[in-house]
Protein backbone atom coordinates (compact mmCIF):
# COMPACT_ATOMS: atom_id res chain seq x y z
CA VAL A 1 55.75 72.88 -80.70
CA SER A 2 58.26 72.15 -77.97
CA THR A 3 55.95 74.08 -75.35
CA GLN A 4 53.07 72.07 -76.35
CA SER A 5 54.82 68.85 -76.20
CA THR A 6 56.19 69.75 -72.70
CA TRP A 7 52.75 70.63 -71.57
CA GLY A 8 51.50 67.42 -72.94
CA HIS A 9 54.13 65.46 -71.40
CA LEU A 10 53.57 67.14 -68.09
CA LEU A 11 49.81 66.61 -68.28
CA SER A 12 50.43 62.76 -69.03
CA VAL A 13 52.72 62.50 -66.25
CA TYR A 14 50.17 64.26 -63.93
CA PHE A 15 47.23 62.00 -65.17
CA PHE A 16 49.54 59.04 -64.68
CA SER A 17 50.69 59.98 -61.20
CA PHE A 18 46.96 60.75 -60.18
CA LYS A 19 45.97 57.34 -61.59
CA MET A 20 48.80 55.68 -59.65
CA VAL A 21 47.79 57.56 -56.31
CA GLY A 22 44.12 56.29 -56.89
CA THR A 23 45.39 52.76 -57.50
CA ASN A 24 47.61 52.81 -54.34
CA VAL A 25 44.56 54.23 -52.22
CA ARG A 26 42.28 51.61 -53.57
CA ASN A 27 44.89 48.97 -52.83
CA LYS A 28 45.47 50.22 -49.47
CA LYS A 29 41.81 50.26 -48.78
CA ARG A 30 41.40 46.72 -50.05
CA GLU A 31 44.45 45.65 -47.95
CA GLN A 32 42.93 47.31 -45.00
CA LEU A 33 39.35 45.75 -45.61
CA GLU A 34 41.15 42.34 -46.12
CA LYS A 35 43.10 42.73 -42.87
CA GLU A 36 39.96 43.68 -41.06
CA GLN A 37 38.05 40.77 -42.51
CA LYS A 38 40.94 38.46 -41.42
CA ASP A 39 41.07 39.93 -38.11
CA ARG A 40 37.25 39.74 -37.64
CA LYS A 41 37.41 35.91 -38.84
CA GLU A 42 40.31 35.35 -36.36
CA LYS A 43 38.34 36.98 -33.55
CA LEU A 44 35.40 34.77 -34.50
CA GLU A 45 37.34 31.78 -34.68
CA LYS A 46 38.95 32.49 -31.24
CA GLU A 47 35.49 33.20 -29.73
CA ARG A 48 34.12 30.07 -31.34
CA GLN A 49 37.10 27.92 -29.86
CA GLU A 50 36.67 29.66 -26.49
CA LYS A 51 33.00 28.93 -26.48
CA GLU A 52 33.57 25.34 -27.41
CA ARG A 53 36.38 25.14 -24.73
CA LYS A 54 33.78 26.41 -22.11
CA GLU A 55 31.13 24.25 -23.31
CA LYS A 56 33.51 21.14 -23.10
CA GLU A 57 34.53 22.26 -19.60
CA LYS A 58 30.90 22.60 -18.63
CA ARG A 59 30.35 19.19 -19.97
CA ASP A 60 33.02 17.90 -18.30
CA GLN A 61 32.00 19.26 -15.14
CA GLU A 62 28.39 18.08 -15.54
CA GLU A 63 29.81 14.39 -16.32
CA GLU A 64 32.00 14.52 -13.24
CA ALA A 65 29.29 15.83 -10.95
CA ARG A 66 26.83 13.11 -12.42
CA ARG A 67 29.58 10.41 -11.89
CA LEU A 68 30.04 11.66 -8.32
CA LYS A 69 26.31 11.74 -7.70
CA GLU A 70 25.94 8.08 -9.12
CA ILE A 71 28.68 7.20 -6.89
CA GLU A 72 27.05 8.70 -3.94
CA THR A 73 23.77 7.17 -4.83
CA LYS A 74 25.21 3.76 -5.08
CA GLU A 75 26.97 4.25 -1.66
CA LYS A 76 23.81 5.44 -0.15
CA GLU A 77 21.99 2.33 -1.65
CA ARG A 78 24.73 0.23 -0.50
CA ILE A 79 24.38 1.61 3.21
CA ARG A 80 20.66 1.55 3.12
CA LYS A 81 20.72 -2.05 1.96
CA GLU A 82 23.15 -3.09 4.54
CA MET A 83 21.06 -1.35 7.21
CA ASN A 84 17.92 -3.04 6.01
CA GLU A 85 19.61 -6.51 6.21
CA LYS A 86 20.97 -5.81 9.47
CA LYS A 87 17.45 -4.66 10.74
CA LEU A 88 16.01 -7.67 9.13
CA LYS A 89 18.44 -10.08 10.67
CA GLU A 90 17.82 -8.36 13.98
CA TYR A 91 14.05 -8.56 13.43
CA ASN A 92 14.24 -12.33 12.35
CA ALA A 93 16.33 -13.19 15.21
CA LEU A 94 13.29 -12.22 17.41
CA LEU A 95 11.61 -15.41 15.73
CA ASP A 96 14.03 -17.66 17.88
CA PRO A 97 12.25 -19.65 20.50
CA ASN A 98 14.83 -18.55 23.24
CA ALA A 99 13.89 -14.97 22.54
CA ARG A 100 10.45 -15.37 24.17
CA VAL A 101 11.84 -15.25 27.71
CA LYS A 102 13.51 -12.07 27.02
CA LEU A 103 10.44 -10.63 25.26
CA LEU A 104 8.19 -11.66 28.08
CA GLY A 105 10.70 -9.99 30.53
CA LEU A 106 10.56 -6.90 28.68
CA LEU A 107 6.88 -7.03 28.51
CA ARG A 108 6.37 -7.42 32.29
CA LYS A 109 8.90 -4.33 32.77
CA ALA A 110 7.12 -2.23 30.25
CA THR A 111 3.79 -3.03 32.00
CA LEU A 112 4.96 -2.08 35.53
CA CYS A 113 6.55 1.32 34.02
CA HIS A 114 3.13 1.96 32.29
CA ASP A 115 4.99 2.40 28.83
CA ASP A 116 2.11 1.72 26.51
CA LEU A 117 4.04 1.93 23.17
CA ALA A 118 6.80 -0.53 24.49
CA GLN A 119 3.83 -2.87 25.49
CA GLU A 120 2.32 -2.84 22.12
CA ILE A 121 5.70 -3.42 20.44
CA LEU A 122 6.70 -6.23 22.56
CA LEU A 123 3.14 -7.79 22.49
CA ASN A 124 3.33 -7.90 18.64
CA HIS A 125 6.89 -9.23 18.76
CA LEU A 126 5.55 -12.22 21.07
CA LEU A 127 2.54 -13.00 18.99
CA ARG A 128 4.58 -13.00 15.72
CA ASN A 129 6.94 -15.60 17.38
CA TYR A 130 4.02 -17.85 18.44
CA ILE A 131 2.34 -17.64 15.29
CA HIS A 132 5.64 -18.32 13.38
CA HIS A 133 6.11 -21.59 15.49
CA LYS A 134 2.42 -22.43 15.01
CA LEU A 135 1.81 -21.95 18.69
CA TYR A 136 -1.74 -20.53 18.15
CA GLN A 137 -3.03 -21.80 21.63
CA GLU A 138 -0.22 -20.04 23.41
CA ALA A 139 -0.72 -16.77 21.34
CA ASP A 140 -4.58 -16.90 22.18
CA LEU A 141 -3.79 -17.08 25.82
CA LEU A 142 -1.22 -14.32 25.60
CA VAL A 143 -4.00 -12.00 24.20
CA THR A 144 -6.40 -13.17 26.84
CA ASN A 145 -4.02 -12.34 29.56
CA THR A 146 -2.87 -8.95 28.22
CA LYS A 147 -6.28 -7.47 27.49
CA ASP A 148 -6.45 -5.76 30.79
CA THR A 149 -3.06 -4.53 30.86
CA ILE A 150 -2.82 -3.12 27.25
CA SER A 151 -4.51 0.25 26.69
CA GLN A 152 -7.08 0.25 24.11
CA PRO A 153 -6.84 1.76 21.33
CA PHE A 154 -3.04 1.49 20.76
CA ARG A 155 -1.03 4.61 20.69
CA SER A 156 0.43 3.53 17.45
CA ASN A 157 -1.80 2.92 14.36
CA ASN A 158 0.80 0.75 12.81
CA GLN A 159 1.37 -1.38 15.89
CA MET A 160 -2.59 -1.81 16.09
CA ALA A 161 -2.80 -2.82 12.54
CA ARG A 162 -0.27 -5.45 13.30
CA TYR A 163 -2.11 -6.48 16.42
CA TYR A 164 -5.31 -7.08 14.51
CA TYR A 165 -3.57 -8.91 11.86
CA TYR A 166 -2.18 -11.46 14.19
CA LEU A 167 -5.56 -11.66 16.14
CA GLY A 168 -7.31 -12.29 12.80
CA THR A 169 -4.74 -15.12 11.93
CA ILE A 170 -5.28 -16.71 15.26
CA LYS A 171 -9.31 -16.69 14.98
CA MET A 172 -9.05 -18.01 11.43
CA VAL A 173 -6.92 -20.91 12.51
CA GLN A 174 -9.39 -21.60 15.25
CA LEU A 175 -12.20 -21.51 12.61
CA HIS A 176 -13.58 -18.34 14.06
CA TYR A 177 -14.15 -16.73 10.47
CA ASN A 178 -16.23 -14.11 11.23
CA GLU A 179 -14.05 -12.59 13.92
CA ALA A 180 -11.17 -13.09 11.62
CA HIS A 181 -12.57 -11.24 8.93
CA ASP A 182 -13.59 -8.39 11.36
CA TYR A 183 -10.10 -7.98 12.70
CA PHE A 184 -8.66 -8.14 8.98
CA GLN A 185 -10.93 -5.20 8.17
CA GLN A 186 -10.00 -3.33 11.10
CA ALA A 187 -6.22 -3.86 10.31
CA LEU A 188 -6.83 -2.54 6.89
CA ARG A 189 -8.53 0.58 8.02
CA LYS A 190 -5.69 1.08 10.41
CA VAL A 191 -2.62 0.40 8.18
CA HIS A 192 -0.86 3.31 6.35
CA ASP A 193 -1.62 3.72 2.48
CA LYS A 194 2.04 3.44 1.62
CA ALA A 195 2.24 0.05 3.36
CA ILE A 196 1.46 -1.75 0.05
CA GLY A 197 3.03 -5.04 1.02
CA PHE A 198 1.18 -5.31 4.46
CA ARG A 199 -1.95 -4.25 2.71
CA THR A 200 -1.50 -6.98 0.17
CA ILE A 201 -1.08 -9.60 2.82
CA LEU A 202 -4.27 -8.33 4.56
CA THR A 203 -6.31 -8.30 1.51
CA LYS A 204 -5.13 -11.85 0.74
CA MET A 205 -6.21 -13.07 4.27
CA SER A 206 -9.64 -11.32 4.01
CA VAL A 207 -10.43 -13.03 0.68
CA VAL A 208 -9.58 -16.51 1.83
CA VAL A 209 -11.80 -15.70 5.16
CA LEU A 210 -14.74 -14.77 2.97
CA LEU A 211 -14.28 -17.70 0.64
CA LEU A 212 -14.39 -19.86 3.84
CA LEU A 213 -17.43 -18.10 5.02
CA GLY A 214 -19.14 -19.04 1.57
CA GLU A 215 -19.10 -15.39 0.33
CA ILE A 216 -17.76 -14.05 -2.95
CA PRO A 217 -15.38 -11.06 -2.68
CA PRO A 218 -16.22 -8.09 -4.50
CA ARG A 219 -14.37 -7.78 -7.81
CA SER A 220 -13.12 -4.26 -6.97
CA THR A 221 -10.80 -5.85 -4.49
CA PHE A 222 -8.67 -7.69 -7.27
CA ARG A 223 -8.65 -4.73 -9.39
CA GLN A 224 -6.35 -2.48 -7.47
CA PRO A 225 -3.11 -1.81 -9.55
CA GLU A 226 -0.84 -2.21 -6.39
CA TRP A 227 -1.78 -5.71 -5.88
CA ARG A 228 -3.47 -7.04 -8.92
CA SER A 229 -0.79 -9.38 -9.98
CA ALA A 230 -0.31 -10.67 -6.44
CA LEU A 231 -4.02 -11.33 -6.04
CA PHE A 232 -4.46 -13.15 -9.30
CA PRO A 233 -4.33 -16.68 -7.92
CA TYR A 234 -6.97 -15.69 -5.43
CA LEU A 235 -9.18 -14.32 -8.24
CA GLN A 236 -8.99 -17.81 -9.77
CA LEU A 237 -9.78 -19.31 -6.53
CA ALA A 238 -12.94 -17.05 -6.04
CA SER A 239 -14.26 -17.82 -9.55
CA ALA A 240 -13.79 -21.45 -8.84
CA VAL A 241 -16.01 -20.93 -5.45
CA ARG A 242 -18.22 -18.75 -7.35
CA PHE A 243 -19.31 -21.37 -9.99
CA GLY A 244 -18.82 -24.44 -7.77
CA GLN A 245 -16.38 -26.26 -10.16
CA LEU A 246 -14.24 -28.78 -8.34
CA ASN A 247 -12.18 -29.19 -11.59
CA LEU A 248 -11.25 -25.47 -11.56
CA PHE A 249 -10.50 -25.57 -7.94
CA SER A 250 -8.27 -28.59 -8.14
CA LYS A 251 -6.50 -26.92 -11.26
CA VAL A 252 -5.96 -23.70 -9.24
CA LEU A 253 -4.71 -25.70 -6.27
CA THR A 254 -2.28 -27.41 -8.47
CA GLU A 255 -1.11 -24.36 -10.43
CA PHE A 256 -0.78 -21.93 -7.60
CA GLY A 257 -0.02 -24.38 -4.79
CA ASP A 258 3.52 -22.90 -4.51
CA VAL A 259 2.26 -19.31 -4.11
CA PHE A 260 -0.36 -20.52 -1.31
CA LYS A 261 2.51 -22.43 0.46
CA GLN A 262 4.83 -19.11 0.33
CA ASP A 263 1.73 -16.92 1.55
CA ASP A 264 1.27 -19.50 4.39
CA THR A 265 -2.46 -20.08 3.28
CA TYR A 266 -2.31 -23.58 1.54
CA SER A 267 -3.96 -25.37 4.40
CA LEU A 268 -6.68 -22.63 4.65
CA VAL A 269 -7.22 -23.01 0.99
CA GLN A 270 -7.80 -26.81 1.09
CA ARG A 271 -10.41 -26.19 3.42
CA ILE A 272 -12.45 -24.08 0.77
CA ARG A 273 -13.08 -27.38 -1.18
CA GLN A 274 -16.21 -27.95 1.14
CA ASN A 275 -17.48 -24.62 0.02
CA VAL A 276 -16.90 -25.32 -3.59
CA ILE A 277 -19.08 -28.29 -3.25
CA LYS A 278 -21.80 -26.44 -1.54
CA THR A 279 -21.96 -23.96 -3.89
CA GLY A 280 -22.30 -26.43 -6.89
CA LEU A 281 -24.88 -28.34 -4.92
CA ARG A 282 -26.74 -25.06 -4.36
CA ARG A 283 -26.56 -24.38 -8.11
CA ILE A 284 -27.93 -27.84 -8.91
CA THR A 285 -30.84 -27.61 -6.56
CA HIS A 286 -31.64 -24.13 -7.92
CA ALA A 287 -31.61 -25.52 -11.38
CA TYR A 288 -33.44 -28.82 -11.08
CA THR A 289 -36.41 -29.73 -8.74
CA LYS A 290 -35.64 -33.42 -8.83
CA ILE A 291 -32.31 -34.92 -9.61
CA THR A 292 -30.67 -38.32 -8.74
CA ILE A 293 -27.83 -38.64 -6.48
CA ALA A 294 -25.79 -40.38 -9.34
CA ASP A 295 -26.41 -37.25 -11.45
CA ILE A 296 -25.18 -35.00 -8.51
CA CYS A 297 -22.22 -37.26 -8.21
CA VAL A 298 -21.44 -36.94 -11.98
CA LYS A 299 -21.94 -32.98 -11.86
CA LEU A 300 -19.66 -32.48 -8.65
CA GLU A 301 -17.08 -34.89 -10.01
CA LEU A 302 -17.13 -36.90 -7.01
CA ASP A 303 -15.79 -40.60 -6.93
CA PHE A 304 -18.76 -42.44 -5.26
CA PRO A 305 -22.35 -41.88 -5.03
CA GLU A 306 -22.45 -42.42 -1.29
CA ASP A 307 -20.05 -39.43 -0.91
CA ALA A 308 -22.56 -37.41 -2.87
CA GLU A 309 -25.72 -38.54 -0.65
CA TYR A 310 -23.63 -37.74 2.60
CA ILE A 311 -22.75 -34.25 1.29
CA VAL A 312 -26.30 -33.59 0.31
CA ALA A 313 -27.62 -34.76 3.72
CA LYS A 314 -25.01 -32.45 5.51
CA ALA A 315 -25.88 -29.68 3.38
CA ILE A 316 -29.80 -29.95 4.24
CA ARG A 317 -28.88 -30.33 7.79
CA ASP A 318 -26.66 -27.13 7.75
CA GLY A 319 -29.34 -25.23 5.88
CA VAL A 320 -27.26 -24.75 2.76
CA ILE A 321 -30.16 -26.20 0.62
CA ASP A 322 -33.66 -26.68 1.04
CA ALA A 323 -34.55 -30.04 -0.34
CA THR A 324 -35.50 -33.45 0.85
CA ILE A 325 -33.91 -36.93 0.05
CA ASP A 326 -35.96 -40.00 -1.43
CA HIS A 327 -33.49 -42.79 -0.31
CA GLU A 328 -35.62 -45.46 -1.84
CA SER A 329 -35.40 -43.88 -5.37
CA GLY A 330 -32.17 -42.04 -4.93
CA VAL A 331 -33.62 -38.63 -5.81
CA VAL A 332 -33.25 -35.33 -4.21
CA ILE A 333 -36.17 -33.17 -4.44
CA SER A 334 -35.85 -29.46 -4.26
CA THR A 335 -38.49 -27.32 -2.54
CA GLU A 336 -39.90 -24.08 -3.98
CA ILE A 337 -37.85 -21.06 -3.40
CA ALA A 338 -39.57 -18.78 -0.80
CA ASP A 339 -39.56 -15.04 -1.05
CA VAL A 340 -36.44 -13.89 0.68
CA TYR A 341 -38.14 -11.12 2.38
CA SER A 342 -40.62 -13.47 4.25
CA THR A 343 -37.36 -15.04 5.92
CA PRO A 344 -35.13 -13.63 8.67
CA GLU A 345 -32.42 -12.92 6.17
CA PRO A 346 -33.06 -9.07 5.82
CA ALA A 347 -33.37 -8.73 9.45
CA ALA A 348 -29.96 -10.39 9.90
CA ALA A 349 -28.29 -8.29 7.34
CA PHE A 350 -29.66 -5.07 9.01
CA HIS A 351 -28.46 -6.38 12.37
CA ARG A 352 -24.68 -6.97 11.01
CA ARG A 353 -24.70 -3.45 9.58
CA ILE A 354 -25.97 -1.86 12.49
CA GLN A 355 -23.53 -3.86 14.75
CA HIS A 356 -20.68 -2.73 12.55
CA LEU A 357 -21.62 0.94 12.64
CA THR A 358 -21.93 0.52 16.41
CA GLU A 359 -18.57 -1.03 16.86
CA THR A 360 -17.01 1.80 14.53
CA HIS A 361 -18.63 4.48 16.76
CA ASN A 362 -17.30 2.87 20.02
CA GLN A 363 -13.90 2.58 18.49
CA ALA A 364 -13.90 6.18 17.35
CA ILE A 365 -14.99 7.36 21.15
CA MET A 366 -12.24 5.08 22.45
CA ALA A 367 -9.61 6.60 20.11
CA MET A 368 -10.19 10.34 21.23
CA ARG A 369 -7.39 11.54 23.22
CA TYR A 370 -7.74 14.43 25.97
CA MET A 371 -5.28 16.59 27.30
CA GLN A 372 -3.67 15.97 30.75
CA GLU A 373 -4.38 18.00 33.83
CA ASP A 374 -1.05 19.88 33.58
CA GLU A 375 -1.60 20.80 30.00
CA LEU A 376 -5.13 22.10 30.74
CA GLU A 377 -3.62 24.11 33.69
CA SER A 378 -0.94 25.73 31.49
CA LYS A 379 -3.47 26.43 28.77
CA ASP A 380 -5.76 28.05 31.49
CA GLU A 381 -2.75 30.15 32.61
CA LEU A 382 -1.76 31.27 29.14
CA GLU A 383 -5.37 32.56 28.47
CA ARG A 384 -5.39 34.33 31.86
CA GLU A 385 -2.11 36.11 30.92
CA LYS A 386 -3.28 37.04 27.45
CA ARG A 387 -6.42 38.43 28.97
CA GLN A 388 -4.78 40.46 31.36
CA GLU A 389 -2.54 42.00 28.76
CA GLU A 390 -5.70 42.85 26.62
CA GLU A 391 -7.16 44.65 29.57
CA LYS A 392 -4.01 46.65 30.37
CA ALA A 393 -3.60 47.47 26.70
CA LEU A 394 -7.43 48.63 26.63
CA GLU A 395 -6.86 50.72 29.91
CA LYS A 396 -3.95 52.41 28.55
CA ALA A 397 -5.70 53.24 25.20
CA LEU A 398 -8.49 54.89 27.14
CA GLU A 399 -6.11 57.03 29.29
CA GLU A 400 -4.47 58.39 26.16
CA ASP A 401 -7.69 59.17 24.60
CA ASP A 402 -8.58 61.26 27.96
CA ASP A 403 -5.39 63.11 27.91
CA VAL A 404 -5.99 63.99 24.04
CA ASP A 405 -9.44 65.34 24.96
CA MET A 406 -8.18 67.55 27.78
């Protein structure tokens, strides 16, 4: 009994010891796993903090770089603005009447030195000075006196566009509208596509000249996105001329008078009033075969019937309308509209087109540039040397082939 109890006690002690050992192992594994998880979490936390720190440093660097770039951009913009203001101030200083003497002296010197580009620049500055002070007669005289000394066409397309613009302005003031329109069109062809401001000014002048000629500019002229808003007053003006409505013309002149004065076209726009009256009169004579002068006065919104009678008589004399006036009864009688193809109008239109193409062809020939004699000689010398080298290389290759055959 004692032996059995002893073995039982030993077995219980053994099992208890085995159980304790297993518990200790499990506890150690659990502690080890918990420690590993804790270490992993600490490592992940450190990596996250390190990543956040690097991202923050990167953001700070980008923000600093952006700030420095903005400062640099503002500084460049300030410098560019100062330089533009300085250039504009120097450019406007040439408008001083006292600057003409210096410009004329420089032009004379450039002419004697055969400096074509300097002549073009100085001539444009002088024309700008004269036109700014409304000295159109002096500007026209300068152009006449320099035609033989200035080489045509110009070396610079930009200077040539400016020259044609000034010529068109002079001819427009002198009532030579056809020549002015041709010069403005040539300037539009020569000016650079990126010169939006200058192209807008040329388009405005061209529209005004066309209206003074009694023609209506194509609607595509006003639809260009670059100058659509700038040409809106001129679109309204063209609409008034097209329909011959004096009330609309007066409204446009009142509403956009400041714009026309700023563009320096107000005095020219005032001349268009006669074209509006002629257009309205032409529409009336096309609509009525017989109409009284009093009704014409009402439709054209004139003050006195005598003014209407004078305008009708002048339009008949100028060939604007084909009609007769019965002064006794105060009636205007329109004649029947003849077939346009039986008139000289188609021949005149073809003549204008042929003349335009001929002028374009002549300008293209004049614009061709040829190499100088020294450039031709150097080119011939290079070709001669190249040909001699090719001949030597061919002879050497033939000699090598003969050596191989032997």
